[in-house]
């Protein structure tokens, strides 16, 4: 059986060439899924990652950067 990653790639590739009928069907599936009570806007695992990173920041185990520092680091990495 295909892995989740392989399925995602196959679907992405298919959507790029799908006709309007297929796109409307997929869109309807998404609409129906979003109406479900248990449809997560943000997956639970994401909250876990954010909380873990927050704890590391509070304990001084990790450092944060200003937006200006981030931009400078990105520019430096491109040189």
PDB file of N, CA and C in Angstrom:
ATOM      1  N   UNK A   1       0.841  -1.192   0.000  1.00  0.00           N
ATOM      2  CA  UNK A   1       0.000   0.000   0.000  1.00  0.00           C
ATOM      3  C   UNK A   1       0.883   1.251   0.000  1.00  0.00           C
ATOM      4  N   UNK A   2       0.422   2.259  -0.661  1.00  0.00           N
ATOM      5  CA  UNK A   2       1.176   3.511  -0.739  1.00  0.00           C
ATOM      6  C   UNK A   2       1.237   4.204   0.618  1.00  0.00           C
ATOM      7  N   UNK A   3       2.342   4.886   0.872  1.00  0.00           N
ATOM      8  CA  UNK A   3       2.462   5.672   2.096  1.00  0.00           C
ATOM      9  C   UNK A   3       1.634   6.950   1.941  1.00  0.00           C
ATOM     10  N   UNK A   4       1.386   7.601   3.052  1.00  0.00           N
ATOM     11  CA  UNK A   4       0.636   8.858   3.014  1.00  0.00           C
ATOM     12  C   UNK A   4       1.325   9.870   2.110  1.00  0.00           C
ATOM     13  N   UNK A   5       2.634   9.921   2.190  1.00  0.00           N
ATOM     14  CA  UNK A   5       3.395  10.859   1.357  1.00  0.00           C
ATOM     15  C   UNK A   5       3.210  10.556  -0.127  1.00  0.00           C
ATOM     16  N   UNK A   6       3.239   9.273  -0.481  1.00  0.00           N
ATOM     17  CA  UNK A   6       3.045   8.887  -1.880  1.00  0.00           C
ATOM     18  C   UNK A   6       1.627   9.217  -2.350  1.00  0.00           C
ATOM     19  N   UNK A   7       0.659   9.006  -1.485  1.00  0.00           N
ATOM     20  CA  UNK A   7      -0.733   9.324  -1.834  1.00  0.00           C
ATOM     21  C   UNK A   7      -0.886  10.827  -2.049  1.00  0.00           C
ATOM     22  N   UNK A   8      -0.314  11.613  -1.140  1.00  0.00           N
ATOM     23  CA  UNK A   8      -0.385  13.076  -1.280  1.00  0.00           C
ATOM     24  C   UNK A   8       0.223  13.530  -2.609  1.00  0.00           C
ATOM     25  N   UNK A   9       1.391  13.005  -2.925  1.00  0.00           N
ATOM     26  CA  UNK A   9       2.052  13.390  -4.174  1.00  0.00           C
ATOM     27  C   UNK A   9       1.193  13.009  -5.371  1.00  0.00           C
ATOM     28  N   UNK A  10       0.639  11.808  -5.345  1.00  0.00           N
ATOM     29  CA  UNK A  10      -0.196  11.365  -6.461  1.00  0.00           C
ATOM     30  C   UNK A  10      -1.413  12.276  -6.627  1.00  0.00           C
ATOM     31  N   UNK A  11      -2.036  12.628  -5.515  1.00  0.00           N
ATOM     32  CA  UNK A  11      -3.209  13.517  -5.572  1.00  0.00           C
ATOM     33  C   UNK A  11      -2.808  14.894  -6.089  1.00  0.00           C
ATOM     34  N   UNK A  12      -1.701  15.443  -5.579  1.00  0.00           N
ATOM     35  CA  UNK A  12      -1.235  16.751  -6.062  1.00  0.00           C
ATOM     36  C   UNK A  12      -0.983  16.718  -7.561  1.00  0.00           C
ATOM     37  N   UNK A  13      -0.299  15.679  -8.021  1.00  0.00           N
ATOM     38  CA  UNK A  13      -0.012  15.562  -9.452  1.00  0.00           C
ATOM     39  C   UNK A  13      -1.302  15.456 -10.264  1.00  0.00           C
ATOM     40  N   UNK A  14      -2.254  14.682  -9.752  1.00  0.00           N
ATOM     41  CA  UNK A  14      -3.520  14.493 -10.454  1.00  0.00           C
ATOM     42  C   UNK A  14      -4.320  15.793 -10.526  1.00  0.00           C
ATOM     43  N   UNK A  15      -4.359  16.534  -9.429  1.00  0.00           N
ATOM     44  CA  UNK A  15      -5.133  17.780  -9.391  1.00  0.00           C
ATOM     45  C   UNK A  15      -4.603  18.781 -10.411  1.00  0.00           C
ATOM     46  N   UNK A  16      -3.299  18.781 -10.617  1.00  0.00           N
ATOM     47  CA  UNK A  16      -2.711  19.709 -11.578  1.00  0.00           C
ATOM     48  C   UNK A  16      -3.244  19.501 -12.997  1.00  0.00           C
ATOM     49  N   UNK A  17      -3.724  18.295 -13.316  1.00  0.00           N
ATOM     50  CA  UNK A  17      -4.221  18.033 -14.670  1.00  0.00           C
ATOM     51  C   UNK A  17      -5.715  17.700 -14.714  1.00  0.00           C
ATOM     52  N   UNK A  18      -6.366  17.734 -13.546  1.00  0.00           N
ATOM     53  CA  UNK A  18      -7.779  17.333 -13.467  1.00  0.00           C
ATOM     54  C   UNK A  18      -8.685  18.333 -14.185  1.00  0.00           C
ATOM     55  N   UNK A  19      -9.789  17.814 -14.706  1.00  0.00           N
ATOM     56  CA  UNK A  19     -10.755  18.703 -15.342  1.00  0.00           C
ATOM     57  C   UNK A  19     -11.686  19.302 -14.273  1.00  0.00           C
ATOM     58  N   UNK A  20     -12.536  20.220 -14.701  1.00  0.00           N
ATOM     59  CA  UNK A  20     -13.393  20.948 -13.764  1.00  0.00           C
ATOM     60  C   UNK A  20     -14.307  20.019 -12.972  1.00  0.00           C
ATOM     61  N   UNK A  21     -14.826  18.980 -13.600  1.00  0.00           N
ATOM     62  CA  UNK A  21     -15.736  18.053 -12.919  1.00  0.00           C
ATOM     63  C   UNK A  21     -15.055  17.410 -11.712  1.00  0.00           C
ATOM     64  N   UNK A  22     -13.851  16.930 -11.921  1.00  0.00           N
ATOM     65  CA  UNK A  22     -13.099  16.289 -10.833  1.00  0.00           C
ATOM     66  C   UNK A  22     -12.780  17.307  -9.739  1.00  0.00           C
ATOM     67  N   UNK A  23     -12.379  18.509 -10.130  1.00  0.00           N
ATOM     68  CA  UNK A  23     -12.064  19.541  -9.146  1.00  0.00           C
ATOM     69  C   UNK A  23     -13.289  19.888  -8.303  1.00  0.00           C
ATOM     70  N   UNK A  24     -14.466  19.937  -8.934  1.00  0.00           N
ATOM     71  CA  UNK A  24     -15.687  20.221  -8.182  1.00  0.00           C
ATOM     72  C   UNK A  24     -16.023  19.081  -7.213  1.00  0.00           C
ATOM     73  N   UNK A  25     -15.787  17.844  -7.627  1.00  0.00           N
ATOM     74  CA  UNK A  25     -16.022  16.699  -6.743  1.00  0.00           C
ATOM     75  C   UNK A  25     -15.084  16.768  -5.535  1.00  0.00           C
ATOM     76  N   UNK A  26     -13.819  17.011  -5.783  1.00  0.00           N
ATOM     77  CA  UNK A  26     -12.849  17.105  -4.691  1.00  0.00           C
ATOM     78  C   UNK A  26     -13.192  18.272  -3.777  1.00  0.00           C
ATOM     79  N   UNK A  27     -13.594  19.377  -4.361  1.00  0.00           N
ATOM     80  CA  UNK A  27     -13.977  20.544  -3.570  1.00  0.00           C
ATOM     81  C   UNK A  27     -15.178  20.217  -2.680  1.00  0.00           C
ATOM     82  N   UNK A  28     -16.121  19.463  -3.188  1.00  0.00           N
ATOM     83  CA  UNK A  28     -17.290  19.057  -2.387  1.00  0.00           C
ATOM     84  C   UNK A  28     -16.884  18.156  -1.230  1.00  0.00           C
ATOM     85  N   UNK A  29     -15.941  17.276  -1.477  1.00  0.00           N
ATOM     86  CA  UNK A  29     -15.435  16.412  -0.404  1.00  0.00           C
ATOM     87  C   UNK A  29     -14.791  17.262   0.689  1.00  0.00           C
ATOM     88  N   UNK A  30     -14.010  18.237   0.282  1.00  0.00           N
ATOM     89  CA  UNK A  30     -13.360  19.125   1.253  1.00  0.00           C
ATOM     90  C   UNK A  30     -14.412  19.895   2.036  1.00  0.00           C
ATOM     91  N   UNK A  31     -15.415  20.438   1.351  1.00  0.00           N
ATOM     92  CA  UNK A  31     -16.497  21.163   2.030  1.00  0.00           C
ATOM     93  C   UNK A  31     -17.178  20.286   3.068  1.00  0.00           C
ATOM     94  N   UNK A  32     -17.489  19.052   2.692  1.00  0.00           N
ATOM     95  CA  UNK A  32     -18.159  18.133   3.618  1.00  0.00           C
ATOM     96  C   UNK A  32     -17.266  17.823   4.811  1.00  0.00           C
ATOM     97  N   UNK A  33     -15.998  17.626   4.569  1.00  0.00           N
ATOM     98  CA  UNK A  33     -15.059  17.324   5.649  1.00  0.00           C
ATOM     99  C   UNK A  33     -14.934  18.491   6.618  1.00  0.00           C
ATOM    100  N   UNK A  34     -14.916  19.703   6.085  1.00  0.00           N
ATOM    101  CA  UNK A  34     -14.796  20.892   6.943  1.00  0.00           C
ATOM    102  C   UNK A  34     -16.029  21.105   7.807  1.00  0.00           C
ATOM    103  N   UNK A  35     -17.155  20.550   7.408  1.00  0.00           N
ATOM    104  CA  UNK A  35     -18.386  20.686   8.185  1.00  0.00           C
ATOM    105  C   UNK A  35     -18.436  19.732   9.377  1.00  0.00           C
ATOM    106  N   UNK A  36     -17.571  18.740   9.379  1.00  0.00           N
ATOM    107  CA  UNK A  36     -17.535  17.773  10.477  1.00  0.00           C
ATOM    108  C   UNK A  36     -17.104  18.464  11.767  1.00  0.00           C
ATOM    109  N   UNK A  37     -17.711  18.063  12.871  1.00  0.00           N
ATOM    110  CA  UNK A  37     -17.374  18.649  14.170  1.00  0.00           C
ATOM    111  C   UNK A  37     -15.932  18.391  14.574  1.00  0.00           C
ATOM    112  N   UNK A  38     -15.406  17.274  14.168  1.00  0.00           N
ATOM    113  CA  UNK A  38     -14.045  16.926  14.572  1.00  0.00           C
ATOM    114  C   UNK A  38     -12.991  17.378  13.565  1.00  0.00           C
ATOM    115  N   UNK A  39     -13.369  18.204  12.606  1.00  0.00           N
ATOM    116  CA  UNK A  39     -12.406  18.681  11.613  1.00  0.00           C
ATOM    117  C   UNK A  39     -11.444  19.652  12.295  1.00  0.00           C
ATOM    118  N   UNK A  40     -10.180  19.317  12.358  1.00  0.00           N
ATOM    119  CA  UNK A  40      -9.241  20.207  13.054  1.00  0.00           C
ATOM    120  C   UNK A  40      -8.757  21.334  12.154  1.00  0.00           C
ATOM    121  N   UNK A  41      -8.882  22.549  12.631  1.00  0.00           N
ATOM    122  CA  UNK A  41      -8.307  23.674  11.904  1.00  0.00           C
ATOM    123  C   UNK A  41      -6.785  23.588  11.994  1.00  0.00           C
ATOM    124  N   UNK A  42      -6.308  23.183  13.156  1.00  0.00           N
ATOM    125  CA  UNK A  42      -4.885  22.965  13.378  1.00  0.00           C
ATOM    126  C   UNK A  42      -4.759  21.592  14.034  1.00  0.00           C
ATOM    127  N   UNK A  43      -3.938  20.714  13.485  1.00  0.00           N
ATOM    128  CA  UNK A  43      -3.825  19.377  14.067  1.00  0.00           C
ATOM    129  C   UNK A  43      -3.260  19.428  15.485  1.00  0.00           C
ATOM    130  N   UNK A  44      -3.650  18.490  16.320  1.00  0.00           N
ATOM    131  CA  UNK A  44      -3.195  18.441  17.710  1.00  0.00           C
ATOM    132  C   UNK A  44      -1.686  18.357  17.827  1.00  0.00           C
ATOM    133  N   UNK A  45      -1.041  17.612  16.914  1.00  0.00           N
ATOM    134  CA  UNK A  45       0.408  17.473  17.005  1.00  0.00           C
ATOM    135  C   UNK A  45       1.107  18.823  16.869  1.00  0.00           C
ATOM    136  N   UNK A  46       0.471  19.746  16.146  1.00  0.00           N
ATOM    137  CA  UNK A  46       1.081  21.061  15.969  1.00  0.00           C
ATOM    138  C   UNK A  46       1.126  21.814  17.308  1.00  0.00           C
ATOM    139  N   UNK A  47       0.049  21.705  18.085  1.00  0.00           N
ATOM    140  CA  UNK A  47       0.031  22.324  19.411  1.00  0.00           C
ATOM    141  C   UNK A  47       1.129  21.726  20.292  1.00  0.00           C
ATOM    142  N   UNK A  48       1.338  20.418  20.171  1.00  0.00           N
ATOM    143  CA  UNK A  48       2.390  19.765  20.949  1.00  0.00           C
ATOM    144  C   UNK A  48       3.757  20.333  20.602  1.00  0.00           C
ATOM    145  N   UNK A  49       4.022  20.524  19.321  1.00  0.00           N
ATOM    146  CA  UNK A  49       5.311  21.077  18.883  1.00  0.00           C
ATOM    147  C   UNK A  49       5.474  22.506  19.391  1.00  0.00           C
ATOM    148  N   UNK A  50       4.422  23.303  19.273  1.00  0.00           N
ATOM    149  CA  UNK A  50       4.487  24.697  19.730  1.00  0.00           C
ATOM    150  C   UNK A  50       4.742  24.740  21.239  1.00  0.00           C
ATOM    151  N   UNK A  51       4.041  23.912  22.008  1.00  0.00           N
ATOM    152  CA  UNK A  51       4.240  23.890  23.459  1.00  0.00           C
ATOM    153  C   UNK A  51       5.648  23.453  23.836  1.00  0.00           C
ATOM    154  N   UNK A  52       6.168  22.461  23.120  1.00  0.00           N
ATOM    155  CA  UNK A  52       7.532  21.996  23.382  1.00  0.00           C
ATOM    156  C   UNK A  52       8.537  23.111  23.110  1.00  0.00           C
ATOM    157  N   UNK A  53       8.366  23.809  21.998  1.00  0.00           N
ATOM    158  CA  UNK A  53       9.277  24.906  21.669  1.00  0.00           C
ATOM    159  C   UNK A  53       9.146  26.057  22.666  1.00  0.00           C
ATOM    160  N   UNK A  54       7.925  26.314  23.108  1.00  0.00           N
ATOM    161  CA  UNK A  54       7.684  27.373  24.102  1.00  0.00           C
ATOM    162  C   UNK A  54       8.410  27.049  25.404  1.00  0.00           C
ATOM    163  N   UNK A  55       8.300  25.800  25.846  1.00  0.00           N
ATOM    164  CA  UNK A  55       8.976  25.381  27.073  1.00  0.00           C
ATOM    165  C   UNK A  55      10.484  25.543  26.944  1.00  0.00           C
ATOM    166  N   UNK A  56      11.033  25.202  25.803  1.00  0.00           N
ATOM    167  CA  UNK A  56      12.471  25.357  25.578  1.00  0.00           C
ATOM    168  C   UNK A  56      12.861  26.832  25.623  1.00  0.00           C
ATOM    169  N   UNK A  57      12.011  27.693  25.074  1.00  0.00           N
ATOM    170  CA  UNK A  57      12.289  29.131  25.087  1.00  0.00           C
ATOM    171  C   UNK A  57      12.246  29.669  26.518  1.00  0.00           C
ATOM    172  N   UNK A  58      11.202  29.292  27.260  1.00  0.00           N
ATOM    173  CA  UNK A  58      11.034  29.774  28.639  1.00  0.00           C
ATOM    174  C   UNK A  58      12.206  29.325  29.514  1.00  0.00           C
ATOM    175  N   UNK A  59      12.670  28.093  29.314  1.00  0.00           N
ATOM    176  CA  UNK A  59      13.763  27.565  30.131  1.00  0.00           C
ATOM    177  C   UNK A  59      15.135  28.091  29.697  1.00  0.00           C
ATOM    178  N   UNK A  60      15.179  28.840  28.596  1.00  0.00           N
ATOM    179  CA  UNK A  60      16.440  29.368  28.098  1.00  0.00           C
ATOM    180  C   UNK A  60      17.211  28.376  27.250  1.00  0.00           C
ATOM    181  N   UNK A  61      16.568  27.250  26.952  1.00  0.00           N
ATOM    182  CA  UNK A  61      17.215  26.201  26.160  1.00  0.00           C
ATOM    183  C   UNK A  61      17.298  26.569  24.674  1.00  0.00           C
ATOM    184  N   UNK A  62      16.452  27.485  24.226  1.00  0.00           N
ATOM    185  CA  UNK A  62      16.493  27.918  22.831  1.00  0.00           C
ATOM    186  C   UNK A  62      16.427  29.438  22.774  1.00  0.00           C
ATOM    187  N   UNK A  63      16.827  29.968  21.667  1.00  0.00           N
ATOM    188  CA  UNK A  63      16.891  31.420  21.482  1.00  0.00           C
ATOM    189  C   UNK A  63      15.839  31.846  20.462  1.00  0.00           C
ATOM    190  N   UNK A  64      15.357  33.040  20.605  1.00  0.00           N
ATOM    191  CA  UNK A  64      14.448  33.581  19.593  1.00  0.00           C
ATOM    192  C   UNK A  64      15.154  34.731  18.879  1.00  0.00           C
ATOM    193  N   UNK A  65      14.609  35.099  17.745  1.00  0.00           N
ATOM    194  CA  UNK A  65      15.219  36.140  16.924  1.00  0.00           C
ATOM    195  C   UNK A  65      14.153  37.152  16.528  1.00  0.00           C
ATOM    196  N   UNK A  66      14.585  38.391  16.347  1.00  0.00           N
ATOM    197  CA  UNK A  66      13.671  39.407  15.823  1.00  0.00           C
ATOM    198  C   UNK A  66      13.488  39.146  14.330  1.00  0.00           C
ATOM    199  N   UNK A  67      12.476  39.753  13.763  1.00  0.00           N
ATOM    200  CA  UNK A  67      12.243  39.599  12.332  1.00  0.00           C
ATOM    201  C   UNK A  67      13.431  40.139  11.539  1.00  0.00           C
ATOM    202  N   UNK A  68      14.011  41.236  12.007  1.00  0.00           N
ATOM    203  CA  UNK A  68      15.169  41.815  11.331  1.00  0.00           C
ATOM    204  C   UNK A  68      16.355  40.847  11.355  1.00  0.00           C
ATOM    205  N   UNK A  69      16.583  40.173  12.489  1.00  0.00           N
ATOM    206  CA  UNK A  69      17.664  39.192  12.575  1.00  0.00           C
ATOM    207  C   UNK A  69      17.427  38.022  11.614  1.00  0.00           C
ATOM    208  N   UNK A  70      16.193  37.583  11.531  1.00  0.00           N
ATOM    209  CA  UNK A  70      15.838  36.487  10.635  1.00  0.00           C
ATOM    210  C   UNK A  70      16.124  36.876   9.185  1.00  0.00           C
ATOM    211  N   UNK A  71      15.713  38.084   8.803  1.00  0.00           N
ATOM    212  CA  UNK A  71      15.954  38.542   7.432  1.00  0.00           C
ATOM    213  C   UNK A  71      17.450  38.629   7.134  1.00  0.00           C
ATOM    214  N   UNK A  72      18.221  39.126   8.085  1.00  0.00           N
ATOM    215  CA  UNK A  72      19.662  39.230   7.879  1.00  0.00           C
ATOM    216  C   UNK A  72      20.311  37.853   7.742  1.00  0.00           C
ATOM    217  N   UNK A  73      19.886  36.908   8.568  1.00  0.00           N
ATOM    218  CA  UNK A  73      20.425  35.546   8.474  1.00  0.00           C
ATOM    219  C   UNK A  73      20.092  34.926   7.112  1.00  0.00           C
ATOM    220  N   UNK A  74      18.867  35.168   6.641  1.00  0.00           N
ATOM    221  CA  UNK A  74      18.457  34.621   5.343  1.00  0.00           C
ATOM    222  C   UNK A  74      19.278  35.244   4.221  1.00  0.00           C
ATOM    223  N   UNK A  75      19.479  36.546   4.292  1.00  0.00           N
ATOM    224  CA  UNK A  75      20.280  37.216   3.260  1.00  0.00           C
ATOM    225  C   UNK A  75      21.716  36.721   3.267  1.00  0.00           C
ATOM    226  N   UNK A  76      22.269  36.530   4.471  1.00  0.00           N
ATOM    227  CA  UNK A  76      23.635  36.045   4.589  1.00  0.00           C
ATOM    228  C   UNK A  76      23.783  34.630   4.029  1.00  0.00           C
ATOM    229  N   UNK A  77      22.772  33.821   4.220  1.00  0.00           N
ATOM    230  CA  UNK A  77      22.818  32.442   3.752  1.00  0.00           C
ATOM    231  C   UNK A  77      22.815  32.375   2.228  1.00  0.00           C
ATOM    232  N   UNK A  78      22.265  33.390   1.580  1.00  0.00           N
ATOM    233  CA  UNK A  78      22.198  33.401   0.122  1.00  0.00           C
ATOM    234  C   UNK A  78      23.482  33.885  -0.530  1.00  0.00           C
ATOM    235  N   UNK A  79      24.373  34.477   0.253  1.00  0.00           N
ATOM    236  CA  UNK A  79      25.621  35.014  -0.315  1.00  0.00           C
ATOM    237  C   UNK A  79      26.628  33.946  -0.573  1.00  0.00           C
TER     238      UNK A  79
END
